[in-house]
Amino acid sequence: MKQSEKWWKEAVGYQIYPASFKDSNNDGIGDINGIRQKLSYLKELGIDFIWINPIYQSPFVDNGYDISDYQAILKKFGTMDEFDALLAEAHQMGIKIIMDLVINHSSDQHEWFIESRQSVDNPYRDYYIWVDGTPDQAPNEWQSIFGGSAWQYDEQTGQYYLHIFAKEQPDLNWESDKLKDELFTMIRWWLDKGIDGFRLDAISHVKKDEYSVKATENPFSPFQNVSGIEDHLTELKNVFDEYDIMTVGEASGVSASEGPEWVGENGYFDMIFEFDHISIWKHEKDGDLDVLSLKQSLSAWQRALDGKGWNALYMENHDVPRCVSVFGDTSPAYWQVSAKAIAMMYFFLQGTPFIYQGQEIGMTNLPFSSIDEIDAVDSKRLYQQLLDEGRSEEEALDIVANTTRDNSRTPMQWNDHLYAGFSEVAPWLLVNPNHQMINVADQTNDPESILSFYKKMIALRRENKGLVYGSFNEYLPENEQLFVYERVLEEERYLIIVNLTDEAATYTLPTEIKTTWEVLLENQSGQEFQSSGTFAPYEARLYRKI
């Protein structure tokens, strides 16, 4: 079944974590004007839209995902006038702007919650989820995703409120029509301003189960993709359908088989971020990459949505370590080729590719030497938990340093100067010392650089509709080193072969793809197409049928 053509299917996205992208006023924190300064860089890279992590008014308990005013900009990021200028300048360059939308919960400093906790009969009381309990007995055993009870006792009114993340992030009550009307009015306000869509944070959590329901082996099951959520999401979709925008939902707990319901022709969103191939909450160092599991996860979503819906493709974001450190090899021998191999592996799957800031130059995890160098609250909590379990400080730090979200939040490496061209003062988070070797300036004019490779991939995807709309066929699914797949659109055929290991990989391709192929892109100078042969460590090649 052929996919319908949409602008957001042909687009390539770029995720910006504002605090770490570019500091324009030298206070050590990235800002809106820093993004404006780098629009020409993004245009040259070839991206079509930017997804910006939250820049709203916030106490910043959870890095801006605790919003106290949805229609105001946090001062350290800039002003609404500066945002309007960013929007206008981006649009002039043909770059769209996607905002992060956090509507599962608000900050406890939001005026709605300040009112809500005043009394049990306050008009805003049912904007949040309040339940009876005693100081020493919570309503049930539900656990927060951030650890500990999901309930917080409020002495003033003698009830508990629900927070599935931090206690400073009370969950909004989607059973309240008045609350939803407020949210939908706010959404229209932003869309009327001219933004081009939303990434919806934690959207699979907005429906909660009955409080008598106990968690399954998944501790978050009572508030993750719960039956009945479709009613709320349909109302939300009806608002989005009033505009020509792009929507991508963060949808933990949604399986590949459920994907078409979420992102099909009549789905709630245009695409969703799924987590099957990325473990956000992993708490141990990984060993060697399990290539089979990675392939199975990605291919399951490709098959489930082929002709029925659309994928959001990503290998990095603000919540996970750097992909070359997790899936590749950061040694001098393999850093560059493995970064390119990972890039090609995901970029030509069916879906809209997202690039996270710094991914396009192969930024790596930072070698943290002390827990004091880490900012992430969940990482500090995990470190203490590991110590309590009897791990040594060295062992606990080793685990936390390899899994912390701060690995992806270190400042963008623009050049080899003291603070990597991010700022002229010490930034809010450490700059990776390898910025002297890994930076935009050094890679910009190097035709063999990772940055140049990303530019080539973006250009090829734009020039070849089959790499956008083509169906997906996987080959050699049991091969433990190679990911081999084909994209087919009518007479157009493309073949992608990637070795995801640091050892040579031998192969024999099935007869149906033994045809005449030309090389469109490769990360190592290899031989012409062969139906059987050997791929060098981390070798990656894109072929087109002649």
Protein backbone atom coordinates (compact mmCIF):
# COMPACT_ATOMS: atom_id res chain seq x y z
CA MET A 1 0.00 0.00 0.00
CA LYS A 2 1.47 3.35 -1.04
CA GLN A 3 1.97 6.04 1.57
CA SER A 4 0.16 9.36 1.13
CA GLU A 5 2.53 12.27 0.56
CA LYS A 6 2.94 14.82 3.38
CA TRP A 7 5.52 17.54 3.99
CA TRP A 8 6.48 16.09 7.37
CA LYS A 9 7.21 12.69 5.82
CA GLU A 10 9.76 14.25 3.49
CA ALA A 11 11.28 16.42 6.22
CA VAL A 12 14.35 15.89 8.38
CA GLY A 13 14.16 17.18 11.96
CA TYR A 14 16.78 18.55 14.34
CA GLN A 15 16.24 18.47 18.09
CA ILE A 16 17.59 21.39 20.12
CA TYR A 17 18.16 21.22 23.88
CA PRO A 18 18.25 25.00 24.36
CA ALA A 19 20.32 25.17 27.55
CA SER A 20 23.19 23.41 25.77
CA PHE A 21 22.97 24.61 22.17
CA LYS A 22 24.40 28.16 22.03
CA ASP A 23 24.81 30.84 24.69
CA SER A 24 24.37 34.29 23.14
CA ASN A 25 24.73 36.45 26.25
CA ASN A 26 27.54 34.63 28.08
CA ASP A 27 25.69 33.60 31.21
CA GLY A 28 26.67 29.95 30.70
CA ILE A 29 23.20 28.87 29.52
CA GLY A 30 22.03 28.46 25.94
CA ASP A 31 19.12 30.61 24.82
CA ILE A 32 16.69 31.57 22.06
CA ASN A 33 19.05 34.11 20.51
CA GLY A 34 21.72 31.42 20.42
CA ILE A 35 19.40 29.34 18.25
CA ARG A 36 18.81 32.36 16.01
CA GLN A 37 22.58 32.77 15.58
CA LYS A 38 22.87 29.18 14.33
CA LEU A 39 19.93 29.06 11.91
CA SER A 40 22.28 29.41 8.95
CA TYR A 41 24.24 26.37 10.19
CA LEU A 42 21.01 24.35 10.38
CA LYS A 43 19.97 25.52 6.93
CA GLU A 44 23.33 24.44 5.51
CA LEU A 45 22.99 21.07 7.23
CA GLY A 46 19.75 20.66 5.30
CA ILE A 47 17.17 20.16 8.02
CA ASP A 48 13.52 21.14 7.55
CA PHE A 49 12.27 21.64 11.10
CA ILE A 50 13.54 22.17 14.63
CA TRP A 51 12.06 20.52 17.69
CA ILE A 52 12.88 22.72 20.70
CA ASN A 53 12.81 21.29 24.22
CA PRO A 54 10.69 23.32 26.70
CA ILE A 55 11.47 27.03 26.99
CA TYR A 56 8.31 27.94 28.95
CA GLN A 57 8.17 29.58 32.36
CA SER A 58 9.28 26.92 34.85
CA PRO A 59 10.94 26.41 38.25
CA PHE A 60 13.16 23.99 36.27
CA VAL A 61 12.92 21.11 38.73
CA ASP A 62 12.84 18.74 35.75
CA ASN A 63 14.70 20.80 33.15
CA GLY A 64 11.63 22.71 32.01
CA TYR A 65 9.21 19.75 31.92
CA ASP A 66 7.52 21.32 34.94
CA ILE A 67 5.69 24.26 33.39
CA SER A 68 4.31 27.08 35.54
CA ASP A 69 3.01 29.22 32.64
CA TYR A 70 2.37 27.71 29.20
CA GLN A 71 2.21 31.10 27.50
CA ALA A 72 5.38 32.69 28.87
CA ILE A 73 9.08 32.18 28.12
CA LEU A 74 11.54 31.37 30.90
CA LYS A 75 13.72 34.43 31.42
CA LYS A 76 17.04 32.58 31.16
CA PHE A 77 16.06 31.48 27.63
CA GLY A 78 14.91 34.93 26.52
CA THR A 79 11.63 36.70 25.81
CA MET A 80 8.49 36.08 23.79
CA ASP A 81 9.60 38.82 21.37
CA GLU A 82 12.84 36.91 20.81
CA PHE A 83 10.88 33.72 20.23
CA ASP A 84 8.67 35.52 17.70
CA ALA A 85 11.83 36.72 15.94
CA LEU A 86 13.20 33.16 15.89
CA LEU A 87 9.95 31.90 14.40
CA ALA A 88 9.94 34.58 11.72
CA GLU A 89 13.62 34.14 10.81
CA ALA A 90 13.33 30.35 10.70
CA HIS A 91 10.28 30.56 8.44
CA GLN A 92 12.15 32.96 6.12
CA MET A 93 14.80 30.25 5.74
CA GLY A 94 12.23 27.53 5.15
CA ILE A 95 12.74 25.97 8.58
CA LYS A 96 9.68 25.04 10.62
CA ILE A 97 9.47 25.17 14.43
CA ILE A 98 8.03 22.34 16.55
CA MET A 99 7.43 23.06 20.24
CA ASP A 100 7.54 20.62 23.13
CA LEU A 101 4.08 20.29 24.72
CA VAL A 102 3.86 18.99 28.29
CA ILE A 103 0.21 18.38 29.16
CA ASN A 104 0.25 15.23 31.30
CA HIS A 105 1.33 17.36 34.26
CA SER A 106 2.21 20.92 35.20
CA SER A 107 4.50 22.48 37.77
CA ASP A 108 3.25 22.74 41.36
CA GLN A 109 3.97 26.46 40.87
CA HIS A 110 1.35 26.79 38.10
CA GLU A 111 -1.50 29.07 39.15
CA TRP A 112 -3.94 26.21 38.52
CA PHE A 113 -2.26 24.04 41.14
CA ILE A 114 -1.72 26.89 43.59
CA GLU A 115 -5.48 27.44 43.44
CA SER A 116 -6.31 23.74 43.38
CA ARG A 117 -4.60 23.01 46.70
CA GLN A 118 -6.31 25.88 48.54
CA SER A 119 -9.40 23.85 49.48
CA VAL A 120 -11.36 20.76 48.48
CA ASP A 121 -14.11 22.91 46.92
CA ASN A 122 -11.82 25.30 45.02
CA PRO A 123 -12.97 25.77 41.37
CA TYR A 124 -9.59 24.43 40.21
CA ARG A 125 -9.66 21.37 42.49
CA ASP A 126 -10.56 18.92 39.73
CA TYR A 127 -7.82 20.24 37.41
CA TYR A 128 -5.62 17.77 39.31
CA ILE A 129 -6.07 14.29 40.79
CA TRP A 130 -6.87 14.46 44.49
CA VAL A 131 -7.69 11.32 46.49
CA ASP A 132 -8.44 10.59 50.13
CA GLY A 133 -5.82 9.02 52.35
CA THR A 134 -4.14 9.39 55.73
CA PRO A 135 -0.68 10.84 56.38
CA ASP A 136 0.74 7.33 56.78
CA GLN A 137 -1.42 5.55 54.17
CA ALA A 138 -1.32 6.58 50.50
CA PRO A 139 -4.34 5.79 48.27
CA ASN A 140 -2.51 2.82 46.72
CA GLU A 141 0.93 1.36 45.94
CA TRP A 142 1.54 3.10 42.62
CA GLN A 143 5.18 4.08 42.07
CA SER A 144 6.48 7.21 40.38
CA ILE A 145 8.57 6.84 37.22
CA PHE A 146 11.20 8.93 39.03
CA GLY A 147 11.14 6.59 42.04
CA GLY A 148 9.15 6.41 45.29
CA SER A 149 5.41 6.75 45.74
CA ALA A 150 3.36 8.42 43.01
CA TRP A 151 1.31 10.13 45.74
CA GLN A 152 2.12 13.25 47.76
CA TYR A 153 0.19 14.08 50.93
CA ASP A 154 -1.04 17.66 51.26
CA GLU A 155 -1.54 18.65 54.90
CA GLN A 156 -3.65 21.72 54.11
CA THR A 157 -6.54 19.72 52.64
CA GLY A 158 -5.80 16.26 54.02
CA GLN A 159 -5.72 14.58 50.61
CA TYR A 160 -3.08 13.17 48.28
CA TYR A 161 -2.34 14.37 44.76
CA LEU A 162 -0.96 12.11 42.02
CA HIS A 163 2.44 12.76 40.42
CA ILE A 164 3.80 10.04 38.16
CA PHE A 165 7.03 12.00 37.78
CA ALA A 166 8.51 14.33 40.45
CA LYS A 167 6.35 15.53 43.35
CA GLU A 168 6.72 19.04 41.92
CA GLN A 169 4.95 17.80 38.76
CA PRO A 170 1.32 17.09 39.75
CA ASP A 171 -0.64 15.22 37.09
CA LEU A 172 -3.40 17.08 35.31
CA ASN A 173 -6.87 15.52 35.48
CA TRP A 174 -7.95 14.74 31.92
CA GLU A 175 -11.36 13.65 33.19
CA SER A 176 -12.12 17.36 33.74
CA ASP A 177 -13.68 18.97 30.66
CA LYS A 178 -12.87 22.41 32.05
CA LEU A 179 -9.19 21.49 32.31
CA LYS A 180 -9.15 20.15 28.76
CA ASP A 181 -10.81 23.31 27.46
CA GLU A 182 -8.00 25.34 29.06
CA LEU A 183 -5.35 23.11 27.49
CA PHE A 184 -6.96 23.20 24.04
CA THR A 185 -7.28 27.00 24.20
CA MET A 186 -3.56 27.24 25.02
CA ILE A 187 -2.68 24.86 22.15
CA ARG A 188 -4.64 26.97 19.67
CA TRP A 189 -2.89 30.09 20.98
CA TRP A 190 0.50 28.69 20.01
CA LEU A 191 -0.72 27.37 16.68
CA ASP A 192 -2.33 30.70 15.85
CA LYS A 193 1.05 32.29 16.58
CA GLY A 194 2.34 30.27 13.64
CA ILE A 195 4.34 27.38 15.06
CA ASP A 196 4.33 24.25 12.95
CA GLY A 197 3.44 21.54 15.42
CA PHE A 198 4.19 19.81 18.69
CA ARG A 199 6.14 16.98 20.21
CA LEU A 200 3.87 15.75 23.00
CA ASP A 201 5.67 14.75 26.16
CA ALA A 202 4.50 11.70 28.15
CA ILE A 203 1.22 11.72 26.23
CA SER A 204 0.55 7.99 26.75
CA HIS A 205 0.12 8.67 30.48
CA VAL A 206 -2.87 11.05 30.43
CA LYS A 207 -5.39 8.31 31.24
CA LYS A 208 -5.21 6.73 34.69
CA ASP A 209 -6.69 3.39 35.74
CA GLU A 210 -9.00 2.84 38.69
CA TYR A 211 -7.10 3.36 41.95
CA SER A 212 -7.86 -0.21 43.00
CA VAL A 213 -5.81 -1.53 40.06
CA LYS A 214 -2.39 -2.87 40.99
CA ALA A 215 0.65 -2.62 38.73
CA THR A 216 1.62 -5.62 36.63
CA GLU A 217 5.26 -6.63 36.09
CA ASN A 218 5.42 -3.17 34.50
CA PRO A 219 5.27 -0.86 37.55
CA PHE A 220 3.80 1.96 35.46
CA SER A 221 0.96 -0.04 33.87
CA PRO A 222 -1.86 1.74 35.81
CA PHE A 223 -1.04 4.99 34.03
CA GLN A 224 0.60 3.95 30.75
CA ASN A 225 -1.54 3.53 27.61
CA VAL A 226 -4.58 2.66 29.72
CA SER A 227 -7.84 1.66 28.03
CA GLY A 228 -9.99 4.74 27.52
CA ILE A 229 -7.07 6.98 26.55
CA GLU A 230 -8.42 6.94 22.99
CA ASP A 231 -11.26 9.28 24.01
CA HIS A 232 -8.87 11.93 25.31
CA LEU A 233 -6.50 11.59 22.36
CA THR A 234 -9.36 11.84 19.85
CA GLU A 235 -10.42 15.17 21.38
CA LEU A 236 -6.82 16.36 21.15
CA LYS A 237 -6.55 15.19 17.53
CA ASN A 238 -9.69 17.16 16.66
CA VAL A 239 -7.90 20.33 17.74
CA PHE A 240 -4.78 19.47 15.76
CA ASP A 241 -6.85 18.72 12.67
CA GLU A 242 -7.86 22.37 12.51
CA TYR A 243 -4.27 23.18 11.40
CA ASP A 244 -1.70 21.95 8.85
CA ILE A 245 0.87 20.91 11.42
CA MET A 246 3.07 17.99 12.44
CA THR A 247 2.52 16.09 15.69
CA VAL A 248 4.76 13.49 17.28
CA GLY A 249 3.77 11.77 20.50
CA GLU A 250 6.16 10.40 23.12
CA ALA A 251 4.37 7.11 23.57
CA SER A 252 5.96 4.76 26.08
CA GLY A 253 3.95 1.58 26.55
CA VAL A 254 2.63 1.55 22.98
CA SER A 255 3.54 -1.64 21.11
CA ALA A 256 4.30 -1.98 17.41
CA SER A 257 1.00 -3.81 16.89
CA GLU A 258 -0.84 -0.83 18.42
CA GLY A 259 1.12 1.62 16.27
CA PRO A 260 -1.41 1.93 13.42
CA GLU A 261 -4.12 2.99 15.89
CA TRP A 262 -1.87 5.81 17.10
CA VAL A 263 -0.39 6.99 13.80
CA GLY A 264 -2.49 5.52 10.99
CA GLU A 265 -4.50 7.60 8.54
CA ASN A 266 -6.99 8.25 11.34
CA GLY A 267 -4.46 8.04 14.16
CA TYR A 268 -4.08 10.51 17.00
CA PHE A 269 -0.66 11.77 15.84
CA ASP A 270 1.41 11.92 12.67
CA MET A 271 4.13 9.79 14.28
CA ILE A 272 5.29 8.63 17.69
CA PHE A 273 8.57 8.13 19.48
CA GLU A 274 8.69 4.49 20.57
CA PHE A 275 11.25 3.16 23.04
CA ASP A 276 11.71 -0.47 22.00
CA HIS A 277 15.22 0.14 20.62
CA ILE A 278 16.28 2.72 23.24
CA SER A 279 16.14 2.06 26.97
CA ILE A 280 15.59 5.42 28.67
CA TRP A 281 15.55 4.11 32.22
CA LYS A 282 18.42 1.63 32.00
CA HIS A 283 20.52 1.56 35.14
CA GLU A 284 23.45 -0.63 34.16
CA LYS A 285 26.31 -0.35 31.71
CA ASP A 286 25.58 -2.25 28.54
CA GLY A 287 27.91 -4.93 27.33
CA ASP A 288 28.39 -5.55 23.63
CA LEU A 289 25.60 -4.37 21.37
CA ASP A 290 22.94 -7.00 20.78
CA VAL A 291 22.59 -6.46 17.04
CA LEU A 292 19.78 -9.00 16.66
CA SER A 293 17.63 -7.32 19.31
CA LEU A 294 18.24 -3.88 17.79
CA LYS A 295 17.25 -5.14 14.32
CA GLN A 296 14.17 -6.93 15.64
CA SER A 297 12.97 -3.82 17.47
CA LEU A 298 13.41 -1.48 14.51
CA SER A 299 12.06 -3.95 11.94
CA ALA A 300 8.96 -4.73 14.01
CA TRP A 301 7.93 -1.07 13.85
CA GLN A 302 8.84 -0.83 10.16
CA ARG A 303 6.60 -3.79 9.31
CA ALA A 304 3.76 -2.72 11.62
CA LEU A 305 3.48 0.73 10.05
CA ASP A 306 4.44 -0.01 6.44
CA GLY A 307 1.53 1.36 4.42
CA LYS A 308 -0.47 2.02 7.60
CA GLY A 309 1.30 4.80 9.47
CA TRP A 310 4.57 6.62 9.96
CA ASN A 311 7.65 6.22 12.16
CA ALA A 312 9.71 8.85 13.95
CA LEU A 313 13.31 7.72 13.50
CA TYR A 314 15.93 8.55 16.11
CA MET A 315 19.03 7.21 17.84
CA GLU A 316 19.62 10.08 20.28
CA ASN A 317 17.66 12.59 22.32
CA HIS A 318 18.00 14.62 25.51
CA ASP A 319 17.14 11.63 27.72
CA VAL A 320 19.70 9.04 26.57
CA PRO A 321 23.49 8.77 26.27
CA ARG A 322 25.25 9.46 22.97
CA CYS A 323 24.56 6.78 20.36
CA VAL A 324 28.18 6.38 19.20
CA SER A 325 29.11 5.59 22.82
CA VAL A 326 26.25 3.10 23.23
CA PHE A 327 25.88 1.50 19.80
CA GLY A 328 29.25 2.29 18.23
CA ASP A 329 32.91 2.51 19.17
CA THR A 330 34.64 5.68 20.39
CA SER A 331 38.18 4.39 19.88
CA PRO A 332 40.27 6.45 17.41
CA ALA A 333 40.19 3.57 14.94
CA TYR A 334 36.40 3.27 14.77
CA TRP A 335 34.80 6.45 16.14
CA GLN A 336 34.18 8.09 12.76
CA VAL A 337 33.14 5.01 10.77
CA SER A 338 30.89 3.67 13.55
CA ALA A 339 29.14 7.06 13.90
CA LYS A 340 28.47 7.00 10.14
CA ALA A 341 27.32 3.37 10.26
CA ILE A 342 24.75 4.10 12.99
CA ALA A 343 23.61 7.14 11.02
CA MET A 344 23.03 5.20 7.79
CA MET A 345 21.42 2.30 9.65
CA TYR A 346 18.52 4.39 10.98
CA PHE A 347 18.33 7.30 8.55
CA PHE A 348 17.02 5.37 5.55
CA LEU A 349 14.32 3.42 7.36
CA GLN A 350 10.73 4.44 6.59
CA GLY A 351 9.87 7.45 8.74
CA THR A 352 10.94 11.00 9.54
CA PRO A 353 14.57 11.12 10.76
CA PHE A 354 15.44 13.23 13.80
CA ILE A 355 19.00 14.38 14.48
CA TYR A 356 19.84 15.41 18.04
CA GLN A 357 22.23 18.36 18.42
CA GLY A 358 25.84 17.16 18.23
CA GLN A 359 24.91 13.78 16.79
CA GLU A 360 25.83 15.10 13.35
CA ILE A 361 29.46 15.56 14.46
CA GLY A 362 29.69 12.33 16.47
CA MET A 363 29.66 13.82 19.96
CA THR A 364 30.36 11.19 22.63
CA ASN A 365 29.62 10.54 26.29
CA LEU A 366 31.62 12.61 28.76
CA PRO A 367 34.12 10.86 31.07
CA PHE A 368 32.60 12.08 34.34
CA SER A 369 35.11 11.74 37.18
CA SER A 370 32.84 12.69 40.10
CA ILE A 371 29.15 12.61 40.97
CA ASP A 372 29.49 16.36 41.62
CA GLU A 373 29.97 16.88 37.87
CA ILE A 374 26.52 15.41 37.16
CA ASP A 375 23.41 17.60 37.18
CA ALA A 376 20.56 15.14 36.46
CA VAL A 377 18.41 14.54 39.55
CA ASP A 378 17.55 10.95 38.59
CA SER A 379 21.27 10.15 38.15
CA LYS A 380 22.11 11.47 41.60
CA ARG A 381 19.26 9.40 43.04
CA LEU A 382 20.52 6.29 41.25
CA TYR A 383 24.06 6.89 42.51
CA GLN A 384 22.84 6.99 46.11
CA GLN A 385 20.68 3.91 45.53
CA LEU A 386 23.69 1.98 44.22
CA LEU A 387 25.76 3.01 47.26
CA ASP A 388 22.92 1.88 49.53
CA GLU A 389 22.95 -1.48 47.75
CA GLY A 390 26.61 -1.92 48.66
CA ARG A 391 28.31 -0.82 45.44
CA SER A 392 31.60 1.06 45.76
CA GLU A 393 31.74 4.75 44.86
CA GLU A 394 33.87 3.87 41.83
CA GLU A 395 31.45 1.20 40.63
CA ALA A 396 28.39 3.40 41.24
CA LEU A 397 29.94 6.32 39.35
CA ASP A 398 30.93 4.04 36.47
CA ILE A 399 27.31 2.89 36.04
CA VAL A 400 25.82 6.39 36.43
CA ALA A 401 28.39 8.05 34.16
CA ASN A 402 27.56 5.64 31.33
CA THR A 403 23.78 5.92 31.66
CA THR A 404 23.12 9.51 32.75
CA ARG A 405 21.07 11.81 30.55
CA ASP A 406 23.75 14.46 31.10
CA ASN A 407 25.86 12.73 28.44
CA SER A 408 23.59 14.19 25.79
CA ARG A 409 23.23 17.54 27.54
CA THR A 410 26.86 18.65 27.55
CA PRO A 411 27.33 21.88 25.56
CA MET A 412 27.34 21.73 21.78
CA GLN A 413 30.89 21.60 20.43
CA TRP A 414 31.17 24.39 17.87
CA ASN A 415 34.98 24.78 17.85
CA ASP A 416 38.15 23.91 19.77
CA HIS A 417 38.17 27.02 21.99
CA LEU A 418 38.08 26.88 25.80
CA TYR A 419 34.31 26.38 26.08
CA ALA A 420 33.86 24.84 22.63
CA GLY A 421 32.41 28.02 21.14
CA PHE A 422 29.25 27.46 23.18
CA SER A 423 29.98 30.34 25.56
CA GLU A 424 32.80 32.59 26.71
CA VAL A 425 32.19 31.64 30.35
CA ALA A 426 32.04 28.30 32.15
CA PRO A 427 28.76 26.63 31.09
CA TRP A 428 26.10 25.15 33.39
CA LEU A 429 27.40 21.65 32.57
CA LEU A 430 30.91 20.47 31.73
CA VAL A 431 32.17 20.72 28.17
CA ASN A 432 33.47 17.39 26.89
CA PRO A 433 37.29 17.65 26.76
CA ASN A 434 37.28 15.96 23.35
CA HIS A 435 35.80 19.15 21.83
CA GLN A 436 39.35 19.94 20.69
CA MET A 437 39.08 16.98 18.31
CA ILE A 438 35.31 16.78 17.78
CA ASN A 439 33.70 20.07 16.73
CA VAL A 440 31.72 21.71 13.95
CA ALA A 441 34.50 24.03 12.78
CA ASP A 442 36.92 21.19 12.05
CA GLN A 443 34.30 19.12 10.24
CA THR A 444 32.61 21.81 8.15
CA ASN A 445 35.08 21.76 5.25
CA ASP A 446 36.20 18.15 5.60
CA PRO A 447 34.45 16.07 2.91
CA GLU A 448 35.12 12.87 4.90
CA SER A 449 33.74 14.18 8.22
CA ILE A 450 30.68 12.86 10.02
CA LEU A 451 29.02 16.25 9.45
CA SER A 452 29.59 15.98 5.69
CA PHE A 453 28.18 12.43 5.78
CA TYR A 454 24.95 13.68 7.40
CA LYS A 455 24.67 16.41 4.77
CA LYS A 456 25.02 13.79 2.03
CA MET A 457 22.37 11.56 3.61
CA ILE A 458 19.92 14.45 3.91
CA ALA A 459 20.53 15.43 0.27
CA LEU A 460 20.07 11.85 -0.97
CA ARG A 461 16.82 11.45 0.94
CA ARG A 462 15.54 14.70 -0.54
CA GLU A 463 16.49 13.68 -4.09
CA ASN A 464 15.12 10.12 -3.99
CA LYS A 465 11.44 9.73 -3.16
CA GLY A 466 11.93 5.98 -2.78
CA LEU A 467 14.06 6.63 0.32
CA VAL A 468 11.06 8.46 1.81
CA TYR A 469 7.99 6.55 0.67
CA GLY A 470 9.46 3.19 -0.31
CA SER A 471 8.25 0.05 1.45
CA PHE A 472 10.60 -1.83 3.78
CA ASN A 473 11.99 -5.32 3.20
CA GLU A 474 14.54 -6.87 5.56
CA TYR A 475 17.08 -9.53 4.54
CA LEU A 476 19.37 -11.77 6.59
CA PRO A 477 17.36 -11.14 9.78
CA GLU A 478 19.36 -13.78 11.68
CA ASN A 479 22.75 -12.26 10.83
CA GLU A 480 24.30 -11.13 14.12
CA GLN A 481 26.44 -8.39 12.56
CA LEU A 482 24.72 -6.98 9.49
CA PHE A 483 21.50 -4.98 9.17
CA VAL A 484 20.37 -5.46 5.55
CA TYR A 485 17.20 -3.87 4.21
CA GLU A 486 15.68 -2.59 1.00
CA ARG A 487 13.41 0.35 0.22
CA VAL A 488 11.14 -0.14 -2.79
CA LEU A 489 8.89 2.40 -4.52
CA GLU A 490 7.50 1.20 -7.86
CA GLU A 491 10.62 0.90 -10.07
CA GLU A 492 12.95 2.53 -7.52
CA ARG A 493 14.98 0.16 -5.35
CA TYR A 494 17.56 0.96 -2.69
CA LEU A 495 19.65 -1.45 -0.65
CA ILE A 496 21.25 -0.59 2.70
CA ILE A 497 23.89 -2.87 4.25
CA VAL A 498 25.50 -1.91 7.56
CA ASN A 499 27.97 -3.83 9.71
CA LEU A 500 27.19 -2.85 13.31
CA THR A 501 30.21 -4.60 14.85
CA ASP A 502 33.97 -4.14 15.14
CA GLU A 503 34.67 -7.40 13.31
CA ALA A 504 34.52 -8.22 9.62
CA ALA A 505 31.16 -9.70 8.55
CA THR A 506 30.70 -12.25 5.78
CA TYR A 507 27.39 -12.56 3.94
CA THR A 508 25.51 -14.12 1.05
CA LEU A 509 22.48 -12.19 -0.16
CA PRO A 510 19.29 -13.94 -1.30
CA THR A 511 18.69 -14.33 -5.04
CA GLU A 512 15.90 -11.72 -5.23
CA ILE A 513 18.38 -8.88 -4.69
CA LYS A 514 21.12 -10.20 -6.95
CA THR A 515 20.76 -7.43 -9.50
CA THR A 516 22.83 -4.49 -10.77
CA TRP A 517 23.42 -1.88 -8.06
CA GLU A 518 25.38 1.38 -7.94
CA VAL A 519 26.87 2.85 -4.78
CA LEU A 520 25.20 6.10 -3.69
CA LEU A 521 26.96 6.52 -0.35
CA GLU A 522 29.56 4.64 1.69
CA ASN A 523 31.52 5.28 4.86
CA GLN A 524 34.63 3.40 3.69
CA SER A 525 36.08 2.99 0.23
CA GLY A 526 34.97 -0.52 -0.58
CA GLN A 527 34.38 -2.72 -3.58
CA GLU A 528 31.48 -2.56 -5.99
CA PHE A 529 28.32 -4.49 -5.16
CA GLN A 530 28.82 -8.20 -4.55
CA SER A 531 26.07 -10.70 -3.81
CA SER A 532 28.38 -12.40 -1.35
CA GLY A 533 31.50 -11.16 0.35
CA THR A 534 32.78 -9.41 3.46
CA PHE A 535 31.97 -6.08 5.06
CA ALA A 536 34.76 -4.44 7.09
CA PRO A 537 34.11 -3.44 10.73
CA TYR A 538 31.38 -0.74 10.79
CA GLU A 539 31.23 -0.61 6.99
CA ALA A 540 28.00 0.91 5.67
CA ARG A 541 26.79 1.22 2.08
CA LEU A 542 23.73 2.58 0.31
CA TYR A 543 23.05 1.16 -3.17
CA ARG A 544 20.54 2.10 -5.86
CA LYS A 545 19.34 -0.30 -8.53
CA ILE A 546 20.51 0.75 -11.97
